Amino acid sequence: MNSQSDLNKASATGLIIALGIVYGDLGTSPLYVFNEILKDREINELLIVGGLSCIIWTLTLQTTLKYVMLTLKADNKGEGGIFSLYALVRRHRKWLVFPAMLGGASLLADGMITPSISVSSAVEGLQQLEWFHGITEHSIEVIVLTILTGLFFVQQFGTASIGKLFGPFMFVWFLMLAVLGLMHIGDDFSILKALNPFYAIKLLVTYPKGFWVLSGVFSLCDRSRGTL
């Protein structure tokens, strides 16, 4: 039997598998988040810098403060998630069963809509390639349904199999994001202003209907919630 230290020991293979399982959804979110932010809006520096600032700080605050410092401490004998929380609150405050049930329903709804959004966004990206300029909406729907059917079929063989399948792809994807980001950040160093939360606040206050930009930002943050 392995000791506790052996169980806690990280390996390169284990990290790659975890990358495919945990961060796969969050890693594909850049495919559609900025499209959602820029959609039907006047594009200017404030929208770009402010929108990116909203993403950075919403992810930072929500992930760090809400999930790492609060939610992850609300465990039920070491187990987490809305269903563990449901079992926990039922023993202490019976009326809390109702918000826990709403959370469980939201989790199930998110589990249904998230794969379709991620896969659809990725497949729609094929329209940017010259070979796929003539692709129709019907063709996209068929491709998405085929991919989702294949994914759910493979899922029956266990989470580890999914991680082994997608882990290497996600590693390459994140590596590509890092390399392209570092290559192009020198194109305009003013983008680093997005690290200042002032521009996020300025966007929400002064940009026409800027508050609605958060709808696109929260779609990304919803993915971060699913990773924890």
C-alpha atoms as a PDB file:
ATOM      1  CA  MET A   1       0.000   0.000   0.000  1.00  0.00           C
ATOM      2  CA  ASN A   2       1.334   3.454  -0.886  1.00  0.00           C
ATOM      3  CA  SER A   3       2.048   5.844   1.926  1.00  0.00           C
ATOM      4  CA  GLN A   4       0.353   9.227   2.134  1.00  0.00           C
ATOM      5  CA  SER A   5       3.528  10.890   0.883  1.00  0.00           C
ATOM      6  CA  ASP A   6       3.492   8.641  -2.184  1.00  0.00           C
ATOM      7  CA  LEU A   7      -0.116   9.584  -2.870  1.00  0.00           C
ATOM      8  CA  ASN A   8       0.719  13.277  -2.661  1.00  0.00           C
ATOM      9  CA  LYS A   9       3.769  12.977  -4.910  1.00  0.00           C
ATOM     10  CA  ALA A  10       3.285  14.759  -8.205  1.00  0.00           C
ATOM     11  CA  SER A  11       4.563  13.331 -11.460  1.00  0.00           C
ATOM     12  CA  ALA A  12       4.842  14.812 -14.937  1.00  0.00           C
ATOM     13  CA  THR A  13       2.292  12.311 -16.245  1.00  0.00           C
ATOM     14  CA  GLY A  14      -0.139  13.113 -13.453  1.00  0.00           C
ATOM     15  CA  LEU A  15       0.185  16.838 -14.098  1.00  0.00           C
ATOM     16  CA  ILE A  16      -0.492  16.357 -17.810  1.00  0.00           C
ATOM     17  CA  ILE A  17      -3.585  14.265 -17.011  1.00  0.00           C
ATOM     18  CA  ALA A  18      -4.799  16.908 -14.540  1.00  0.00           C
ATOM     19  CA  LEU A  19      -4.231  19.559 -17.206  1.00  0.00           C
ATOM     20  CA  GLY A  20      -6.551  17.701 -19.571  1.00  0.00           C
ATOM     21  CA  ILE A  21      -9.229  17.145 -16.930  1.00  0.00           C
ATOM     22  CA  VAL A  22      -9.202  20.309 -14.864  1.00  0.00           C
ATOM     23  CA  TYR A  23      -8.077  23.126 -17.115  1.00  0.00           C
ATOM     24  CA  GLY A  24      -9.319  21.963 -20.514  1.00  0.00           C
ATOM     25  CA  ASP A  25     -12.469  24.043 -20.384  1.00  0.00           C
ATOM     26  CA  LEU A  26     -10.845  27.165 -18.997  1.00  0.00           C
ATOM     27  CA  GLY A  27      -8.066  26.885 -21.543  1.00  0.00           C
ATOM     28  CA  THR A  28     -10.469  27.043 -24.482  1.00  0.00           C
ATOM     29  CA  SER A  29     -12.387  30.036 -23.124  1.00  0.00           C
ATOM     30  CA  PRO A  30     -10.214  32.643 -24.924  1.00  0.00           C
ATOM     31  CA  LEU A  31     -11.767  31.316 -28.132  1.00  0.00           C
ATOM     32  CA  TYR A  32     -15.019  33.091 -27.438  1.00  0.00           C
ATOM     33  CA  VAL A  33     -14.635  35.471 -24.488  1.00  0.00           C
ATOM     34  CA  PHE A  34     -13.140  38.397 -26.404  1.00  0.00           C
ATOM     35  CA  ASN A  35     -15.551  37.810 -29.276  1.00  0.00           C
ATOM     36  CA  GLU A  36     -18.356  38.198 -26.767  1.00  0.00           C
ATOM     37  CA  ILE A  37     -16.834  41.373 -25.312  1.00  0.00           C
ATOM     38  CA  LEU A  38     -16.290  43.018 -28.718  1.00  0.00           C
ATOM     39  CA  LYS A  39     -19.575  41.879 -30.226  1.00  0.00           C
ATOM     40  CA  ASP A  40     -21.649  44.790 -31.621  1.00  0.00           C
ATOM     41  CA  ARG A  41     -19.577  47.388 -29.737  1.00  0.00           C
ATOM     42  CA  GLU A  42     -17.434  50.294 -30.847  1.00  0.00           C
ATOM     43  CA  ILE A  43     -13.866  49.017 -30.602  1.00  0.00           C
ATOM     44  CA  ASN A  44     -11.404  51.419 -29.015  1.00  0.00           C
ATOM     45  CA  GLU A  45      -8.488  51.319 -26.591  1.00  0.00           C
ATOM     46  CA  LEU A  46     -10.701  51.586 -23.537  1.00  0.00           C
ATOM     47  CA  LEU A  47     -12.771  48.572 -24.567  1.00  0.00           C
ATOM     48  CA  ILE A  48      -9.683  46.427 -25.236  1.00  0.00           C
ATOM     49  CA  VAL A  49      -7.655  47.437 -22.183  1.00  0.00           C
ATOM     50  CA  GLY A  50     -10.660  47.731 -19.887  1.00  0.00           C
ATOM     51  CA  GLY A  51     -12.149  44.433 -21.052  1.00  0.00           C
ATOM     52  CA  LEU A  52      -8.862  42.634 -20.480  1.00  0.00           C
ATOM     53  CA  SER A  53      -8.539  44.312 -17.082  1.00  0.00           C
ATOM     54  CA  CYS A  54     -12.037  43.071 -16.183  1.00  0.00           C
ATOM     55  CA  ILE A  55     -11.010  39.536 -17.117  1.00  0.00           C
ATOM     56  CA  ILE A  56      -7.763  39.659 -15.144  1.00  0.00           C
ATOM     57  CA  TRP A  57      -9.219  41.105 -11.961  1.00  0.00           C
ATOM     58  CA  THR A  58     -12.499  39.217 -11.979  1.00  0.00           C
ATOM     59  CA  LEU A  59     -10.611  35.946 -12.374  1.00  0.00           C
ATOM     60  CA  THR A  60      -8.112  36.952  -9.687  1.00  0.00           C
ATOM     61  CA  LEU A  61     -10.651  38.104  -7.132  1.00  0.00           C
ATOM     62  CA  GLN A  62     -13.214  35.400  -7.786  1.00  0.00           C
ATOM     63  CA  THR A  63     -10.747  32.530  -7.894  1.00  0.00           C
ATOM     64  CA  THR A  64      -8.479  33.683  -5.060  1.00  0.00           C
ATOM     65  CA  LEU A  65     -10.928  35.202  -2.613  1.00  0.00           C
ATOM     66  CA  LYS A  66     -14.089  33.274  -3.281  1.00  0.00           C
ATOM     67  CA  TYR A  67     -12.907  29.789  -4.158  1.00  0.00           C
ATOM     68  CA  VAL A  68      -9.420  29.326  -2.731  1.00  0.00           C
ATOM     69  CA  MET A  69      -9.973  31.225   0.509  1.00  0.00           C
ATOM     70  CA  LEU A  70     -13.662  30.429   1.097  1.00  0.00           C
ATOM     71  CA  THR A  71     -15.235  27.664  -0.965  1.00  0.00           C
ATOM     72  CA  LEU A  72     -12.357  25.172  -0.767  1.00  0.00           C
ATOM     73  CA  LYS A  73     -12.478  25.402   3.032  1.00  0.00           C
ATOM     74  CA  ALA A  74     -16.157  24.434   3.074  1.00  0.00           C
ATOM     75  CA  ASP A  75     -15.496  20.717   2.669  1.00  0.00           C
ATOM     76  CA  ASN A  76     -17.430  17.706   3.895  1.00  0.00           C
ATOM     77  CA  LYS A  77     -14.825  15.351   5.382  1.00  0.00           C
ATOM     78  CA  GLY A  78     -12.356  16.322   2.682  1.00  0.00           C
ATOM     79  CA  GLU A  79     -14.861  16.186  -0.164  1.00  0.00           C
ATOM     80  CA  GLY A  80     -15.911  19.318  -2.043  1.00  0.00           C
ATOM     81  CA  GLY A  81     -18.479  20.409  -4.566  1.00  0.00           C
ATOM     82  CA  ILE A  82     -22.110  21.387  -4.389  1.00  0.00           C
ATOM     83  CA  PHE A  83     -23.321  17.875  -3.551  1.00  0.00           C
ATOM     84  CA  SER A  84     -20.915  17.571  -0.618  1.00  0.00           C
ATOM     85  CA  LEU A  85     -22.077  21.011   0.494  1.00  0.00           C
ATOM     86  CA  TYR A  86     -25.668  19.797   0.233  1.00  0.00           C
ATOM     87  CA  ALA A  87     -24.917  16.906   2.608  1.00  0.00           C
ATOM     88  CA  LEU A  88     -23.050  19.247   4.950  1.00  0.00           C
ATOM     89  CA  VAL A  89     -25.665  21.971   5.318  1.00  0.00           C
ATOM     90  CA  ARG A  90     -28.479  19.451   5.700  1.00  0.00           C
ATOM     91  CA  ARG A  91     -26.968  18.401   9.029  1.00  0.00           C
ATOM     92  CA  HIS A  92     -26.628  21.946  10.408  1.00  0.00           C
ATOM     93  CA  ARG A  93     -29.290  24.204   8.925  1.00  0.00           C
ATOM     94  CA  LYS A  94     -32.133  22.413   7.243  1.00  0.00           C
ATOM     95  CA  TRP A  95     -33.388  25.531   5.473  1.00  0.00           C
ATOM     96  CA  LEU A  96     -30.055  25.732   3.628  1.00  0.00           C
ATOM     97  CA  VAL A  97     -31.134  22.626   1.710  1.00  0.00           C
ATOM     98  CA  PHE A  98     -33.074  24.834  -0.695  1.00  0.00           C
ATOM     99  CA  PRO A  99     -30.176  27.077  -1.861  1.00  0.00           C
ATOM    100  CA  ALA A 100     -28.021  23.927  -2.031  1.00  0.00           C
ATOM    101  CA  MET A 101     -30.639  22.334  -4.306  1.00  0.00           C
ATOM    102  CA  LEU A 102     -30.561  25.442  -6.520  1.00  0.00           C
ATOM    103  CA  GLY A 103     -26.781  25.153  -6.659  1.00  0.00           C
ATOM    104  CA  GLY A 104     -27.042  21.494  -7.643  1.00  0.00           C
ATOM    105  CA  ALA A 105     -29.525  22.336 -10.381  1.00  0.00           C
ATOM    106  CA  SER A 106     -27.212  25.078 -11.657  1.00  0.00           C
ATOM    107  CA  LEU A 107     -24.310  22.633 -11.681  1.00  0.00           C
ATOM    108  CA  LEU A 108     -26.270  20.153 -13.782  1.00  0.00           C
ATOM    109  CA  ALA A 109     -27.370  22.915 -16.168  1.00  0.00           C
ATOM    110  CA  ASP A 110     -23.799  24.162 -16.471  1.00  0.00           C
ATOM    111  CA  GLY A 111     -22.612  20.618 -17.142  1.00  0.00           C
ATOM    112  CA  MET A 112     -25.023  20.434 -20.073  1.00  0.00           C
ATOM    113  CA  ILE A 113     -24.338  23.816 -21.656  1.00  0.00           C
ATOM    114  CA  THR A 114     -20.574  24.157 -21.098  1.00  0.00           C
ATOM    115  CA  PRO A 115     -19.414  21.365 -23.451  1.00  0.00           C
ATOM    116  CA  SER A 116     -21.683  22.578 -26.229  1.00  0.00           C
ATOM    117  CA  ILE A 117     -20.445  26.182 -25.890  1.00  0.00           C
ATOM    118  CA  SER A 118     -16.771  25.182 -25.865  1.00  0.00           C
ATOM    119  CA  VAL A 119     -16.993  22.745 -28.765  1.00  0.00           C
ATOM    120  CA  SER A 120     -19.248  25.031 -30.830  1.00  0.00           C
ATOM    121  CA  SER A 121     -16.868  27.961 -30.357  1.00  0.00           C
ATOM    122  CA  ALA A 122     -13.896  25.853 -31.410  1.00  0.00           C
ATOM    123  CA  VAL A 123     -15.641  24.476 -34.500  1.00  0.00           C
ATOM    124  CA  GLU A 124     -16.926  27.923 -35.512  1.00  0.00           C
ATOM    125  CA  GLY A 125     -13.297  29.033 -35.476  1.00  0.00           C
ATOM    126  CA  LEU A 126     -12.764  26.845 -38.544  1.00  0.00           C
ATOM    127  CA  GLN A 127     -14.586  29.532 -40.542  1.00  0.00           C
ATOM    128  CA  GLN A 128     -11.468  31.684 -40.173  1.00  0.00           C
ATOM    129  CA  LEU A 129      -9.461  29.171 -42.219  1.00  0.00           C
ATOM    130  CA  GLU A 130      -9.448  29.439 -46.000  1.00  0.00           C
ATOM    131  CA  TRP A 131     -10.343  25.782 -46.455  1.00  0.00           C
ATOM    132  CA  PHE A 132     -13.520  26.164 -44.374  1.00  0.00           C
ATOM    133  CA  HIS A 133     -14.859  29.527 -45.599  1.00  0.00           C
ATOM    134  CA  GLY A 134     -17.871  27.831 -47.173  1.00  0.00           C
ATOM    135  CA  ILE A 135     -18.803  25.763 -44.132  1.00  0.00           C
ATOM    136  CA  THR A 136     -22.508  26.056 -43.305  1.00  0.00           C
ATOM    137  CA  GLU A 137     -24.259  26.298 -39.955  1.00  0.00           C
ATOM    138  CA  HIS A 138     -25.746  22.851 -40.571  1.00  0.00           C
ATOM    139  CA  SER A 139     -22.274  21.392 -41.105  1.00  0.00           C
ATOM    140  CA  ILE A 140     -21.076  23.005 -37.884  1.00  0.00           C
ATOM    141  CA  GLU A 141     -23.992  21.495 -35.979  1.00  0.00           C
ATOM    142  CA  VAL A 142     -23.235  18.029 -37.375  1.00  0.00           C
ATOM    143  CA  ILE A 143     -19.547  18.326 -36.457  1.00  0.00           C
ATOM    144  CA  VAL A 144     -20.366  19.532 -32.933  1.00  0.00           C
ATOM    145  CA  LEU A 145     -22.878  16.744 -32.327  1.00  0.00           C
ATOM    146  CA  THR A 146     -20.390  14.160 -33.616  1.00  0.00           C
ATOM    147  CA  ILE A 147     -17.632  15.433 -31.329  1.00  0.00           C
ATOM    148  CA  LEU A 148     -19.900  15.598 -28.270  1.00  0.00           C
ATOM    149  CA  THR A 149     -21.251  12.101 -28.937  1.00  0.00           C
ATOM    150  CA  GLY A 150     -17.704  10.775 -29.182  1.00  0.00           C
ATOM    151  CA  LEU A 151     -16.654  12.555 -25.985  1.00  0.00           C
ATOM    152  CA  PHE A 152     -19.566  11.262 -23.942  1.00  0.00           C
ATOM    153  CA  PHE A 153     -18.960   7.755 -25.280  1.00  0.00           C
ATOM    154  CA  VAL A 154     -15.308   7.838 -24.221  1.00  0.00           C
ATOM    155  CA  GLN A 155     -16.216   9.290 -20.828  1.00  0.00           C
ATOM    156  CA  GLN A 156     -17.627   5.963 -19.672  1.00  0.00           C
ATOM    157  CA  PHE A 157     -14.080   4.602 -19.498  1.00  0.00           C
ATOM    158  CA  GLY A 158     -13.193   6.976 -16.674  1.00  0.00           C
ATOM    159  CA  THR A 159     -11.889  10.467 -16.061  1.00  0.00           C
ATOM    160  CA  ALA A 160      -8.268   9.326 -16.295  1.00  0.00           C
ATOM    161  CA  SER A 161      -8.786   8.216 -19.896  1.00  0.00           C
ATOM    162  CA  ILE A 162     -10.110  11.688 -20.772  1.00  0.00           C
ATOM    163  CA  GLY A 163      -7.117  13.284 -19.092  1.00  0.00           C
ATOM    164  CA  LYS A 164      -4.647  11.053 -20.931  1.00  0.00           C
ATOM    165  CA  LEU A 165      -6.365  11.875 -24.222  1.00  0.00           C
ATOM    166  CA  PHE A 166      -6.614  15.652 -23.826  1.00  0.00           C
ATOM    167  CA  GLY A 167      -3.697  16.378 -21.494  1.00  0.00           C
ATOM    168  CA  PRO A 168      -1.022  16.545 -24.231  1.00  0.00           C
ATOM    169  CA  PHE A 169      -3.285  18.681 -26.432  1.00  0.00           C
ATOM    170  CA  MET A 170      -3.939  21.119 -23.585  1.00  0.00           C
ATOM    171  CA  PHE A 171      -0.214  21.293 -22.808  1.00  0.00           C
ATOM    172  CA  VAL A 172       0.507  22.274 -26.414  1.00  0.00           C
ATOM    173  CA  TRP A 173      -2.429  24.717 -26.376  1.00  0.00           C
ATOM    174  CA  PHE A 174      -1.280  26.513 -23.218  1.00  0.00           C
ATOM    175  CA  LEU A 175       2.301  26.539 -24.487  1.00  0.00           C
ATOM    176  CA  MET A 176       1.085  28.111 -27.738  1.00  0.00           C
ATOM    177  CA  LEU A 177      -0.895  30.771 -25.824  1.00  0.00           C
ATOM    178  CA  ALA A 178       2.191  31.611 -23.757  1.00  0.00           C
ATOM    179  CA  VAL A 179       4.545  31.767 -26.744  1.00  0.00           C
ATOM    180  CA  LEU A 180       2.205  33.858 -28.923  1.00  0.00           C
ATOM    181  CA  GLY A 181       1.434  36.155 -26.007  1.00  0.00           C
ATOM    182  CA  LEU A 182       5.108  36.783 -25.281  1.00  0.00           C
ATOM    183  CA  MET A 183       5.825  37.278 -28.979  1.00  0.00           C
ATOM    184  CA  HIS A 184       3.129  39.901 -29.492  1.00  0.00           C
ATOM    185  CA  ILE A 185       3.124  41.712 -26.162  1.00  0.00           C
ATOM    186  CA  GLY A 186       5.976  43.788 -27.578  1.00  0.00           C
ATOM    187  CA  ASP A 187       3.713  45.030 -30.366  1.00  0.00           C
ATOM    188  CA  ASP A 188       2.153  47.475 -27.938  1.00  0.00           C
ATOM    189  CA  PHE A 189       3.340  47.515 -24.336  1.00  0.00           C
ATOM    190  CA  SER A 190       0.406  49.744 -23.409  1.00  0.00           C
ATOM    191  CA  ILE A 191      -1.641  46.551 -23.075  1.00  0.00           C
ATOM    192  CA  LEU A 192       0.128  46.064 -19.734  1.00  0.00           C
ATOM    193  CA  LYS A 193      -2.116  48.836 -18.412  1.00  0.00           C
ATOM    194  CA  ALA A 194      -4.776  46.130 -18.147  1.00  0.00           C
ATOM    195  CA  LEU A 195      -3.020  44.987 -14.966  1.00  0.00           C
ATOM    196  CA  ASN A 196      -4.308  48.186 -13.363  1.00  0.00           C
ATOM    197  CA  PRO A 197      -7.906  47.704 -12.091  1.00  0.00           C
ATOM    198  CA  PHE A 198      -8.531  51.414 -12.745  1.00  0.00           C
ATOM    199  CA  TYR A 199      -9.179  50.646 -16.417  1.00  0.00           C
ATOM    200  CA  ALA A 200     -11.733  47.957 -15.571  1.00  0.00           C
ATOM    201  CA  ILE A 201     -13.615  50.408 -13.374  1.00  0.00           C
ATOM    202  CA  LYS A 202     -13.324  53.156 -15.990  1.00  0.00           C
ATOM    203  CA  LEU A 203     -14.778  50.848 -18.649  1.00  0.00           C
ATOM    204  CA  LEU A 204     -17.757  49.903 -16.493  1.00  0.00           C
ATOM    205  CA  VAL A 205     -18.445  53.539 -15.525  1.00  0.00           C
ATOM    206  CA  THR A 206     -17.772  55.535 -18.711  1.00  0.00           C
ATOM    207  CA  TYR A 207     -18.116  53.172 -21.679  1.00  0.00           C
ATOM    208  CA  PRO A 208     -21.664  53.085 -23.161  1.00  0.00           C
ATOM    209  CA  LYS A 209     -23.390  50.073 -21.631  1.00  0.00           C
ATOM    210  CA  GLY A 210     -19.978  49.015 -20.345  1.00  0.00           C
ATOM    211  CA  PHE A 211     -21.548  47.081 -17.488  1.00  0.00           C
ATOM    212  CA  TRP A 212     -22.832  44.529 -19.997  1.00  0.00           C
ATOM    213  CA  VAL A 213     -19.220  43.676 -20.868  1.00  0.00           C
ATOM    214  CA  LEU A 214     -19.266  41.648 -17.681  1.00  0.00           C
ATOM    215  CA  SER A 215     -21.586  39.135 -19.346  1.00  0.00           C
ATOM    216  CA  GLY A 216     -18.673  38.020 -21.513  1.00  0.00           C
ATOM    217  CA  VAL A 217     -16.228  38.204 -18.606  1.00  0.00           C
ATOM    218  CA  PHE A 218     -18.414  36.080 -16.359  1.00  0.00           C
ATOM    219  CA  SER A 219     -18.655  33.408 -19.064  1.00  0.00           C
ATOM    220  CA  LEU A 220     -14.898  32.954 -18.640  1.00  0.00           C
ATOM    221  CA  CYS A 221     -15.087  33.085 -14.862  1.00  0.00           C
ATOM    222  CA  ASP A 222     -17.804  30.459 -14.944  1.00  0.00           C
ATOM    223  CA  ARG A 223     -15.234  28.179 -16.561  1.00  0.00           C
ATOM    224  CA  SER A 224     -12.819  28.888 -13.723  1.00  0.00           C
ATOM    225  CA  ARG A 225     -15.523  27.866 -11.262  1.00  0.00           C
ATOM    226  CA  GLY A 226     -15.883  24.573 -13.055  1.00  0.00           C
ATOM    227  CA  THR A 227     -12.169  23.860 -12.745  1.00  0.00           C
ATOM    228  CA  LEU A 228     -12.169  23.976  -8.959  1.00  0.00           C
END
